[in-house]
Protein backbone atom coordinates (compact mmCIF):
# COMPACT_ATOMS: atom_id res chain seq x y z
CA MET A 1 0.00 0.00 0.00
CA ALA A 2 1.43 3.34 -1.05
CA ILE A 3 1.62 6.13 1.47
CA HIS A 4 0.46 9.50 0.15
CA PRO A 5 1.20 12.70 2.02
CA VAL A 6 -1.97 14.38 3.20
CA PRO A 7 -2.16 17.96 1.91
CA SER A 8 -2.97 20.67 4.39
CA GLU A 9 -6.59 21.67 4.73
CA GLY A 10 -7.70 24.07 2.02
CA THR A 11 -5.08 22.98 -0.53
CA PRO A 12 -6.68 22.94 -3.99
CA THR A 13 -6.71 19.50 -5.63
CA GLN A 14 -4.80 20.97 -8.61
CA VAL A 15 -1.91 21.77 -6.24
CA ALA A 16 -2.18 18.59 -4.16
CA HIS A 17 -2.48 16.27 -7.20
CA PRO A 18 -1.04 18.10 -10.22
CA GLY A 19 -0.65 14.96 -12.33
CA ARG A 20 -4.35 14.18 -12.08
CA ALA A 21 -5.27 17.78 -12.87
CA ILE A 22 -3.13 17.68 -16.01
CA LEU A 23 -4.60 14.33 -17.07
CA ARG A 24 -8.16 15.57 -16.56
CA THR A 25 -7.41 18.73 -18.59
CA PHE A 26 -5.94 16.72 -21.47
CA VAL A 27 -8.90 14.33 -21.45
CA ALA A 28 -11.34 17.25 -21.63
CA ALA A 29 -9.37 18.87 -24.46
CA LEU A 30 -9.17 15.56 -26.33
CA VAL A 31 -12.93 15.08 -26.09
CA GLY A 32 -13.37 18.60 -27.48
CA VAL A 33 -10.98 17.89 -30.35
CA VAL A 34 -12.80 14.64 -31.20
CA LEU A 35 -16.16 16.43 -31.13
CA ALA A 36 -14.81 19.20 -33.38
CA TRP A 37 -13.43 16.58 -35.79
CA VAL A 38 -16.80 14.80 -35.87
CA VAL A 39 -18.63 18.06 -36.58
CA ARG A 40 -16.19 19.02 -39.33
CA THR A 41 -15.79 15.68 -41.11
CA VAL A 42 -18.53 13.23 -40.19
CA GLY A 43 -21.51 14.60 -38.35
CA VAL A 44 -22.61 17.79 -40.05
CA ASP A 45 -22.64 18.78 -43.73
CA LEU A 46 -20.80 22.10 -43.76
CA ALA A 47 -20.01 22.14 -47.48
CA GLY A 48 -22.33 25.07 -48.23
CA PHE A 49 -20.67 27.42 -45.73
CA SER A 50 -17.59 29.59 -46.12
CA ASP A 51 -14.31 28.47 -44.56
CA VAL A 52 -14.57 31.14 -41.85
CA ILE A 53 -17.99 29.88 -40.71
CA VAL A 54 -16.82 26.26 -40.80
CA ASP A 55 -13.80 27.18 -38.67
CA SER A 56 -16.03 29.07 -36.25
CA LEU A 57 -18.48 26.18 -35.93
CA THR A 58 -15.61 23.75 -35.40
CA ALA A 59 -14.11 25.98 -32.70
CA ALA A 60 -17.52 26.32 -31.06
CA ALA A 61 -17.95 22.53 -31.03
CA TRP A 62 -14.53 22.18 -29.40
CA ALA A 63 -15.34 24.84 -26.79
CA VAL A 64 -18.74 23.35 -25.94
CA GLY A 65 -17.38 19.79 -25.81
CA THR A 66 -14.46 20.78 -23.61
CA GLY A 67 -16.68 22.85 -21.31
CA VAL A 68 -19.24 20.07 -20.87
CA ILE A 69 -16.52 17.54 -20.06
CA GLN A 70 -14.89 19.92 -17.57
CA TRP A 71 -18.28 20.41 -15.92
CA LEU A 72 -18.84 16.66 -15.74
CA LEU A 73 -15.34 16.12 -14.33
CA SER A 74 -16.13 18.55 -11.52
CA HIS A 75 -19.63 17.26 -10.75
CA PRO A 76 -19.65 15.75 -7.21
CA ARG A 77 -22.13 12.99 -8.05
CA LEU A 78 -19.85 11.63 -10.78
CA GLN A 79 -16.62 11.59 -8.75
CA ARG A 80 -16.94 7.93 -7.73
CA PHE A 81 -17.18 6.93 -11.42
CA PHE A 82 -14.18 9.10 -12.32
CA GLU A 83 -12.21 7.62 -9.40
CA ILE A 84 -12.91 4.11 -10.76
CA ILE A 85 -11.66 4.97 -14.26
CA GLY A 86 -8.63 6.91 -12.97
CA LEU A 87 -9.85 10.44 -13.60
CA GLY A 88 -10.79 11.32 -10.02
CA THR A 89 -9.58 14.51 -8.39
CA GLY A 90 -7.18 12.64 -6.11
CA VAL A 91 -9.12 13.51 -2.99
CA GLU A 92 -9.91 9.81 -2.56
CA LYS A 93 -6.20 9.18 -1.79
CA GLU A 94 -5.86 11.87 0.85
CA GLY A 95 -7.17 9.99 3.87
CA LEU A 96 -9.39 11.42 6.54
CA PRO A 97 -8.78 14.93 7.83
CA VAL A 98 -7.48 15.26 11.36
CA ALA A 99 -10.07 16.57 13.82
CA ARG A 100 -9.23 19.99 15.19
CA HIS A 101 -10.16 21.05 18.69
CA LYS A 102 -10.99 24.64 19.51
CA ALA A 103 -8.99 26.17 22.34
CA ASP A 104 -11.25 27.58 25.03
């Protein structure tokens, strides 16, 4: 069993688990690229439009696809699924926080 250092309370997951943050970002970008490719080559007939409009629609498909995936990756109800497939935030490896007692 690997021992992972527990980040201090309030540390963003991107700082505590940078490798996972990078992986999640690349996955979201890749999904956007695939969606843009599908729109441009397979899914939608854009032959009647000018090149500028086709480029704009492709960029919009990439932006929407990437944004939706980023939203899904941050949705709390889906974190267990993402943990299973290796795209979790890394919080699942942090262990339980230490209880703090207030000084009277």
